[in-house]
Amino acid sequence: MTVAPSAESAAPAKPNGGIRRDAEMTRKRILAAATVEFARKGLGGARVDEIAVRSKSNKRMIYHYFGSKEKLFTAVLEAAYLGIRTAEQTLHLTELEPEDAIVTLVRFTWKYYLDHPEFLTLVNSENLHRARHLKTSEVIRSSSGKFVQMVKAILDRGVAKGVFRKGVDPVQLNITIAAIGYYYLNNRFTGSIVFERDYMSPENLDARLAFNVDTILRLVRKAP
């Protein structure tokens, strides 16, 4: 029986640079497809076959690049967290006045959650697994540590300028900024029933963001 050559084996040879670029593009396609699949169905419901179809690859290639479904899920989580951490760096918060920096961060976090609903569902999924995939991730630990230090520097500058009160824990502040957006959007369906309010109408989204900004500023500002 004659076996037809695969697309990879039939393709003309490429310089090493071309091979590396193809490999990186394939890896990115798999990650993008896996992000969609895991965000929709979680780790348990996601299927590698579906990821292969979405990424225009095959299961062999997925296991070659990532080793297993669990490791692929870990890579998706790392990419999701690095995505928001990288986007935060573009805000140049250290160049802004302390209060402006905090307001910018609150607004950014809210908009990021709105623009990237898959981030919320991936976090939910990992919490169901008690964060076992992130426990050993040095990538997450390093990026999160740098972010906390940046927020601490903003708080310290605010204290030095006399606009922020002393003793605000940067970790607690980060948790609160994340929580006031995360909870609202994560519970938008049940909340709309319980409180008889359309959580996602433009006017209610604007009102919620204004409330979030006011809440955080009241938390960090020095009392008059």
C-alpha atoms as a PDB file:
ATOM      1  CA  MET A   1       0.000   0.000   0.000  1.00  0.00           C
ATOM      2  CA  THR A   2       1.405   3.356  -1.003  1.00  0.00           C
ATOM      3  CA  VAL A   3       1.073   6.124   1.561  1.00  0.00           C
ATOM      4  CA  ALA A   4       0.729   9.641   0.231  1.00  0.00           C
ATOM      5  CA  PRO A   5       3.319  12.016   1.629  1.00  0.00           C
ATOM      6  CA  SER A   6       2.125  14.476   4.273  1.00  0.00           C
ATOM      7  CA  ALA A   7       1.967  18.164   3.511  1.00  0.00           C
ATOM      8  CA  GLU A   8       5.020  18.683   5.690  1.00  0.00           C
ATOM      9  CA  SER A   9       7.146  15.987   4.028  1.00  0.00           C
ATOM     10  CA  ALA A  10       6.052  17.002   0.529  1.00  0.00           C
ATOM     11  CA  ALA A  11       6.894  20.658   1.047  1.00  0.00           C
ATOM     12  CA  PRO A  12      10.202  21.904  -0.352  1.00  0.00           C
ATOM     13  CA  ALA A  13      13.030  22.262   2.093  1.00  0.00           C
ATOM     14  CA  LYS A  14      13.324  25.633   3.778  1.00  0.00           C
ATOM     15  CA  PRO A  15      16.180  27.423   5.476  1.00  0.00           C
ATOM     16  CA  ASN A  16      16.238  27.048   9.239  1.00  0.00           C
ATOM     17  CA  GLY A  17      14.780  30.530   9.667  1.00  0.00           C
ATOM     18  CA  GLY A  18      11.766  29.573   7.557  1.00  0.00           C
ATOM     19  CA  ILE A  19      11.244  26.366   9.527  1.00  0.00           C
ATOM     20  CA  ARG A  20      11.370  28.266  12.807  1.00  0.00           C
ATOM     21  CA  ARG A  21       8.843  30.808  11.547  1.00  0.00           C
ATOM     22  CA  ASP A  22       6.494  28.043  10.395  1.00  0.00           C
ATOM     23  CA  ALA A  23       6.822  26.301  13.749  1.00  0.00           C
ATOM     24  CA  GLU A  24       6.075  29.502  15.639  1.00  0.00           C
ATOM     25  CA  MET A  25       3.048  30.251  13.445  1.00  0.00           C
ATOM     26  CA  THR A  26       1.741  26.721  13.953  1.00  0.00           C
ATOM     27  CA  ARG A  27       2.189  27.017  17.695  1.00  0.00           C
ATOM     28  CA  LYS A  28       0.313  30.354  17.704  1.00  0.00           C
ATOM     29  CA  ARG A  29      -2.552  28.878  15.688  1.00  0.00           C
ATOM     30  CA  ILE A  30      -2.855  25.978  18.100  1.00  0.00           C
ATOM     31  CA  LEU A  31      -2.806  28.303  21.109  1.00  0.00           C
ATOM     32  CA  ALA A  32      -5.476  30.546  19.574  1.00  0.00           C
ATOM     33  CA  ALA A  33      -7.705  27.590  18.733  1.00  0.00           C
ATOM     34  CA  ALA A  34      -7.165  26.039  22.161  1.00  0.00           C
ATOM     35  CA  THR A  35      -8.063  29.326  23.845  1.00  0.00           C
ATOM     36  CA  VAL A  36     -11.438  29.330  22.100  1.00  0.00           C
ATOM     37  CA  GLU A  37     -12.095  25.675  22.873  1.00  0.00           C
ATOM     38  CA  PHE A  38     -11.054  25.808  26.535  1.00  0.00           C
ATOM     39  CA  ALA A  39     -12.927  29.069  27.105  1.00  0.00           C
ATOM     40  CA  ARG A  40     -16.115  27.560  25.686  1.00  0.00           C
ATOM     41  CA  LYS A  41     -15.966  24.099  27.239  1.00  0.00           C
ATOM     42  CA  GLY A  42     -13.375  24.109  30.012  1.00  0.00           C
ATOM     43  CA  LEU A  43     -10.563  21.597  30.333  1.00  0.00           C
ATOM     44  CA  GLY A  44     -12.854  18.608  30.735  1.00  0.00           C
ATOM     45  CA  GLY A  45     -15.156  19.394  27.832  1.00  0.00           C
ATOM     46  CA  ALA A  46     -12.547  20.584  25.346  1.00  0.00           C
ATOM     47  CA  ARG A  47     -11.494  18.137  22.642  1.00  0.00           C
ATOM     48  CA  VAL A  48      -8.044  17.976  21.090  1.00  0.00           C
ATOM     49  CA  ASP A  49      -9.634  16.857  17.801  1.00  0.00           C
ATOM     50  CA  GLU A  50     -11.629  20.094  17.686  1.00  0.00           C
ATOM     51  CA  ILE A  51      -8.549  22.150  18.490  1.00  0.00           C
ATOM     52  CA  ALA A  52      -6.736  20.419  15.630  1.00  0.00           C
ATOM     53  CA  VAL A  53      -9.529  21.297  13.210  1.00  0.00           C
ATOM     54  CA  ARG A  54      -9.695  24.914  14.395  1.00  0.00           C
ATOM     55  CA  SER A  55      -5.931  25.352  14.127  1.00  0.00           C
ATOM     56  CA  LYS A  56      -5.663  23.555  10.761  1.00  0.00           C
ATOM     57  CA  SER A  57      -3.162  21.144  12.263  1.00  0.00           C
ATOM     58  CA  ASN A  58      -3.469  17.627  13.679  1.00  0.00           C
ATOM     59  CA  LYS A  59      -3.285  15.881  17.041  1.00  0.00           C
ATOM     60  CA  ARG A  60       0.276  14.713  16.422  1.00  0.00           C
ATOM     61  CA  MET A  61       1.443  18.289  15.930  1.00  0.00           C
ATOM     62  CA  ILE A  62      -0.412  19.454  19.046  1.00  0.00           C
ATOM     63  CA  TYR A  63       1.232  16.803  21.193  1.00  0.00           C
ATOM     64  CA  HIS A  64       4.582  17.541  19.554  1.00  0.00           C
ATOM     65  CA  TYR A  65       4.438  21.225  20.509  1.00  0.00           C
ATOM     66  CA  PHE A  66       2.697  20.978  23.884  1.00  0.00           C
ATOM     67  CA  GLY A  67       3.079  17.409  25.137  1.00  0.00           C
ATOM     68  CA  SER A  68      -0.465  16.825  26.409  1.00  0.00           C
ATOM     69  CA  LYS A  69      -3.902  18.362  26.697  1.00  0.00           C
ATOM     70  CA  GLU A  70      -3.123  19.423  30.291  1.00  0.00           C
ATOM     71  CA  LYS A  71       0.109  21.134  29.243  1.00  0.00           C
ATOM     72  CA  LEU A  72      -1.712  22.852  26.390  1.00  0.00           C
ATOM     73  CA  PHE A  73      -4.263  24.166  28.899  1.00  0.00           C
ATOM     74  CA  THR A  74      -1.408  25.459  31.057  1.00  0.00           C
ATOM     75  CA  ALA A  75       0.087  27.227  28.038  1.00  0.00           C
ATOM     76  CA  VAL A  76      -3.285  28.818  27.262  1.00  0.00           C
ATOM     77  CA  LEU A  77      -3.598  30.053  30.847  1.00  0.00           C
ATOM     78  CA  GLU A  78      -0.085  31.480  30.813  1.00  0.00           C
ATOM     79  CA  ALA A  79      -0.774  33.254  27.522  1.00  0.00           C
ATOM     80  CA  ALA A  80      -4.030  34.672  28.914  1.00  0.00           C
ATOM     81  CA  TYR A  81      -2.378  36.095  32.032  1.00  0.00           C
ATOM     82  CA  LEU A  82       0.607  37.375  30.080  1.00  0.00           C
ATOM     83  CA  GLY A  83      -1.825  39.030  27.679  1.00  0.00           C
ATOM     84  CA  ILE A  84      -3.315  41.268  30.338  1.00  0.00           C
ATOM     85  CA  ARG A  85       0.055  41.882  32.018  1.00  0.00           C
ATOM     86  CA  THR A  86       1.611  42.883  28.680  1.00  0.00           C
ATOM     87  CA  ALA A  87      -1.297  45.167  27.850  1.00  0.00           C
ATOM     88  CA  GLU A  88      -0.928  46.861  31.240  1.00  0.00           C
ATOM     89  CA  GLN A  89       2.651  47.733  30.404  1.00  0.00           C
ATOM     90  CA  THR A  90       1.478  49.791  27.428  1.00  0.00           C
ATOM     91  CA  LEU A  91      -0.381  52.124  29.824  1.00  0.00           C
ATOM     92  CA  HIS A  92       2.924  53.587  31.085  1.00  0.00           C
ATOM     93  CA  LEU A  93       1.402  53.964  34.541  1.00  0.00           C
ATOM     94  CA  THR A  94       4.716  54.906  36.130  1.00  0.00           C
ATOM     95  CA  GLU A  95       4.780  58.043  33.977  1.00  0.00           C
ATOM     96  CA  LEU A  96       1.373  59.274  35.189  1.00  0.00           C
ATOM     97  CA  GLU A  97       0.439  61.150  38.326  1.00  0.00           C
ATOM     98  CA  PRO A  98      -0.472  58.628  41.062  1.00  0.00           C
ATOM     99  CA  GLU A  99      -4.220  59.284  41.013  1.00  0.00           C
ATOM    100  CA  ASP A 100      -4.342  59.292  37.212  1.00  0.00           C
ATOM    101  CA  ALA A 101      -2.411  56.019  37.185  1.00  0.00           C
ATOM    102  CA  ILE A 102      -4.902  54.311  39.479  1.00  0.00           C
ATOM    103  CA  VAL A 103      -7.898  55.614  37.514  1.00  0.00           C
ATOM    104  CA  THR A 104      -6.289  54.463  34.265  1.00  0.00           C
ATOM    105  CA  LEU A 105      -5.688  51.015  35.723  1.00  0.00           C
ATOM    106  CA  VAL A 106      -9.291  50.668  36.917  1.00  0.00           C
ATOM    107  CA  ARG A 107     -10.651  51.754  33.536  1.00  0.00           C
ATOM    108  CA  PHE A 108      -8.245  49.501  31.665  1.00  0.00           C
ATOM    109  CA  THR A 109      -9.096  46.425  33.753  1.00  0.00           C
ATOM    110  CA  TRP A 110     -12.816  46.943  33.192  1.00  0.00           C
ATOM    111  CA  LYS A 111     -12.411  47.373  29.441  1.00  0.00           C
ATOM    112  CA  TYR A 112     -10.042  44.406  29.187  1.00  0.00           C
ATOM    113  CA  TYR A 113     -12.604  42.140  30.832  1.00  0.00           C
ATOM    114  CA  LEU A 114     -15.288  43.412  28.452  1.00  0.00           C
ATOM    115  CA  ASP A 115     -13.082  42.944  25.392  1.00  0.00           C
ATOM    116  CA  HIS A 116     -11.705  39.547  26.490  1.00  0.00           C
ATOM    117  CA  PRO A 117     -14.557  37.501  27.980  1.00  0.00           C
ATOM    118  CA  GLU A 118     -12.491  34.370  27.361  1.00  0.00           C
ATOM    119  CA  PHE A 119     -10.092  35.541  30.074  1.00  0.00           C
ATOM    120  CA  LEU A 120     -12.854  35.377  32.672  1.00  0.00           C
ATOM    121  CA  THR A 121     -14.031  31.928  31.632  1.00  0.00           C
ATOM    122  CA  LEU A 122     -10.485  30.546  31.583  1.00  0.00           C
ATOM    123  CA  VAL A 123      -9.902  31.870  35.114  1.00  0.00           C
ATOM    124  CA  ASN A 124     -13.182  30.299  36.204  1.00  0.00           C
ATOM    125  CA  SER A 125     -12.134  26.982  34.708  1.00  0.00           C
ATOM    126  CA  GLU A 126      -8.742  27.006  36.412  1.00  0.00           C
ATOM    127  CA  ASN A 127     -10.352  27.786  39.758  1.00  0.00           C
ATOM    128  CA  LEU A 128     -12.481  24.667  39.359  1.00  0.00           C
ATOM    129  CA  HIS A 129      -9.184  22.778  39.141  1.00  0.00           C
ATOM    130  CA  ARG A 130      -7.843  24.558  42.252  1.00  0.00           C
ATOM    131  CA  ALA A 131      -5.170  26.309  40.141  1.00  0.00           C
ATOM    132  CA  ARG A 132      -3.147  23.138  39.760  1.00  0.00           C
ATOM    133  CA  HIS A 133      -1.934  24.201  36.313  1.00  0.00           C
ATOM    134  CA  LEU A 134      -0.644  27.571  37.506  1.00  0.00           C
ATOM    135  CA  LYS A 135       0.995  26.362  40.709  1.00  0.00           C
ATOM    136  CA  THR A 136       4.242  25.511  38.973  1.00  0.00           C
ATOM    137  CA  SER A 137       4.213  28.384  36.465  1.00  0.00           C
ATOM    138  CA  GLU A 138       7.250  30.592  36.926  1.00  0.00           C
ATOM    139  CA  VAL A 139       5.971  32.747  34.064  1.00  0.00           C
ATOM    140  CA  ILE A 140       2.864  33.727  36.026  1.00  0.00           C
ATOM    141  CA  ARG A 141       4.744  34.185  39.279  1.00  0.00           C
ATOM    142  CA  SER A 142       7.309  36.478  37.672  1.00  0.00           C
ATOM    143  CA  SER A 143       4.863  38.638  35.700  1.00  0.00           C
ATOM    144  CA  SER A 144       2.461  39.000  38.620  1.00  0.00           C
ATOM    145  CA  GLY A 145       5.278  39.921  40.980  1.00  0.00           C
ATOM    146  CA  LYS A 146       6.434  42.707  38.667  1.00  0.00           C
ATOM    147  CA  PHE A 147       2.893  44.030  38.375  1.00  0.00           C
ATOM    148  CA  VAL A 148       2.423  44.154  42.136  1.00  0.00           C
ATOM    149  CA  GLN A 149       5.696  46.033  42.504  1.00  0.00           C
ATOM    150  CA  MET A 150       4.585  48.563  39.891  1.00  0.00           C
ATOM    151  CA  VAL A 151       1.326  49.212  41.746  1.00  0.00           C
ATOM    152  CA  LYS A 152       3.242  49.493  45.015  1.00  0.00           C
ATOM    153  CA  ALA A 153       5.488  52.145  43.433  1.00  0.00           C
ATOM    154  CA  ILE A 154       2.401  54.120  42.349  1.00  0.00           C
ATOM    155  CA  LEU A 155       0.972  53.942  45.868  1.00  0.00           C
ATOM    156  CA  ASP A 156       4.303  54.997  47.377  1.00  0.00           C
ATOM    157  CA  ARG A 157       4.474  58.002  45.038  1.00  0.00           C
ATOM    158  CA  GLY A 158       0.944  58.934  46.010  1.00  0.00           C
ATOM    159  CA  VAL A 159       1.822  58.796  49.693  1.00  0.00           C
ATOM    160  CA  ALA A 160       4.942  60.894  49.105  1.00  0.00           C
ATOM    161  CA  LYS A 161       2.848  63.505  47.273  1.00  0.00           C
ATOM    162  CA  GLY A 162       0.307  63.566  50.077  1.00  0.00           C
ATOM    163  CA  VAL A 163      -2.636  62.339  47.963  1.00  0.00           C
ATOM    164  CA  PHE A 164      -2.796  58.683  49.064  1.00  0.00           C
ATOM    165  CA  ARG A 165      -3.091  57.363  52.577  1.00  0.00           C
ATOM    166  CA  LYS A 166      -0.412  55.144  54.045  1.00  0.00           C
ATOM    167  CA  GLY A 167      -0.714  51.408  54.470  1.00  0.00           C
ATOM    168  CA  VAL A 168      -2.659  50.374  51.372  1.00  0.00           C
ATOM    169  CA  ASP A 169      -1.572  46.835  50.506  1.00  0.00           C
ATOM    170  CA  PRO A 170      -0.896  46.664  46.730  1.00  0.00           C
ATOM    171  CA  VAL A 171      -1.999  43.025  46.573  1.00  0.00           C
ATOM    172  CA  GLN A 172      -5.299  43.811  48.296  1.00  0.00           C
ATOM    173  CA  LEU A 173      -5.776  46.770  45.975  1.00  0.00           C
ATOM    174  CA  ASN A 174      -5.167  44.625  42.900  1.00  0.00           C
ATOM    175  CA  ILE A 175      -7.623  42.020  44.173  1.00  0.00           C
ATOM    176  CA  THR A 176     -10.268  44.690  44.711  1.00  0.00           C
ATOM    177  CA  ILE A 177      -9.766  46.303  41.293  1.00  0.00           C
ATOM    178  CA  ALA A 178     -10.081  42.900  39.651  1.00  0.00           C
ATOM    179  CA  ALA A 179     -12.991  41.790  41.828  1.00  0.00           C
ATOM    180  CA  ILE A 180     -15.300  44.754  41.277  1.00  0.00           C
ATOM    181  CA  GLY A 181     -15.146  44.184  37.532  1.00  0.00           C
ATOM    182  CA  TYR A 182     -14.889  40.394  37.552  1.00  0.00           C
ATOM    183  CA  TYR A 183     -17.862  39.817  39.845  1.00  0.00           C
ATOM    184  CA  TYR A 184     -20.158  42.171  37.943  1.00  0.00           C
ATOM    185  CA  LEU A 185     -19.405  40.676  34.524  1.00  0.00           C
ATOM    186  CA  ASN A 186     -19.169  37.090  35.699  1.00  0.00           C
ATOM    187  CA  ASN A 187     -22.613  37.330  37.301  1.00  0.00           C
ATOM    188  CA  ARG A 188     -24.272  39.475  34.664  1.00  0.00           C
ATOM    189  CA  PHE A 189     -26.951  36.900  33.848  1.00  0.00           C
ATOM    190  CA  THR A 190     -28.017  35.993  37.381  1.00  0.00           C
ATOM    191  CA  GLY A 191     -27.566  39.573  38.570  1.00  0.00           C
ATOM    192  CA  SER A 192     -29.870  40.883  35.869  1.00  0.00           C
ATOM    193  CA  ILE A 193     -32.620  38.629  37.247  1.00  0.00           C
ATOM    194  CA  VAL A 194     -31.939  39.223  40.936  1.00  0.00           C
ATOM    195  CA  PHE A 195     -31.703  43.016  40.680  1.00  0.00           C
ATOM    196  CA  GLU A 196     -34.027  43.448  37.670  1.00  0.00           C
ATOM    197  CA  ARG A 197     -31.433  45.495  35.829  1.00  0.00           C
ATOM    198  CA  ASP A 198     -29.827  44.988  32.429  1.00  0.00           C
ATOM    199  CA  TYR A 199     -26.205  44.679  33.496  1.00  0.00           C
ATOM    200  CA  MET A 200     -24.906  44.998  29.947  1.00  0.00           C
ATOM    201  CA  SER A 201     -26.791  48.044  28.693  1.00  0.00           C
ATOM    202  CA  PRO A 202     -24.416  50.883  27.732  1.00  0.00           C
ATOM    203  CA  GLU A 203     -25.754  53.185  30.428  1.00  0.00           C
ATOM    204  CA  ASN A 204     -25.428  50.562  33.164  1.00  0.00           C
ATOM    205  CA  LEU A 205     -21.917  49.633  32.050  1.00  0.00           C
ATOM    206  CA  ASP A 206     -20.911  53.304  32.199  1.00  0.00           C
ATOM    207  CA  ALA A 207     -22.542  53.702  35.616  1.00  0.00           C
ATOM    208  CA  ARG A 208     -20.742  50.637  36.918  1.00  0.00           C
ATOM    209  CA  LEU A 209     -17.357  51.862  35.683  1.00  0.00           C
ATOM    210  CA  ALA A 210     -17.932  55.250  37.325  1.00  0.00           C
ATOM    211  CA  PHE A 211     -18.838  53.468  40.563  1.00  0.00           C
ATOM    212  CA  ASN A 212     -15.692  51.317  40.337  1.00  0.00           C
ATOM    213  CA  VAL A 213     -13.457  54.357  39.844  1.00  0.00           C
ATOM    214  CA  ASP A 214     -15.072  56.200  42.730  1.00  0.00           C
ATOM    215  CA  THR A 215     -14.781  53.143  44.996  1.00  0.00           C
ATOM    216  CA  ILE A 216     -11.070  52.679  44.361  1.00  0.00           C
ATOM    217  CA  LEU A 217     -10.260  56.376  44.717  1.00  0.00           C
ATOM    218  CA  ARG A 218     -12.091  56.508  48.067  1.00  0.00           C
ATOM    219  CA  LEU A 219     -10.046  53.489  49.118  1.00  0.00           C
ATOM    220  CA  VAL A 220      -6.628  54.989  48.359  1.00  0.00           C
ATOM    221  CA  ARG A 221      -7.112  58.719  48.880  1.00  0.00           C
ATOM    222  CA  LYS A 222      -5.820  60.440  51.963  1.00  0.00           C
ATOM    223  CA  ALA A 223      -8.610  61.779  54.151  1.00  0.00           C
ATOM    224  CA  PRO A 224      -8.943  65.591  53.948  1.00  0.00           C
END
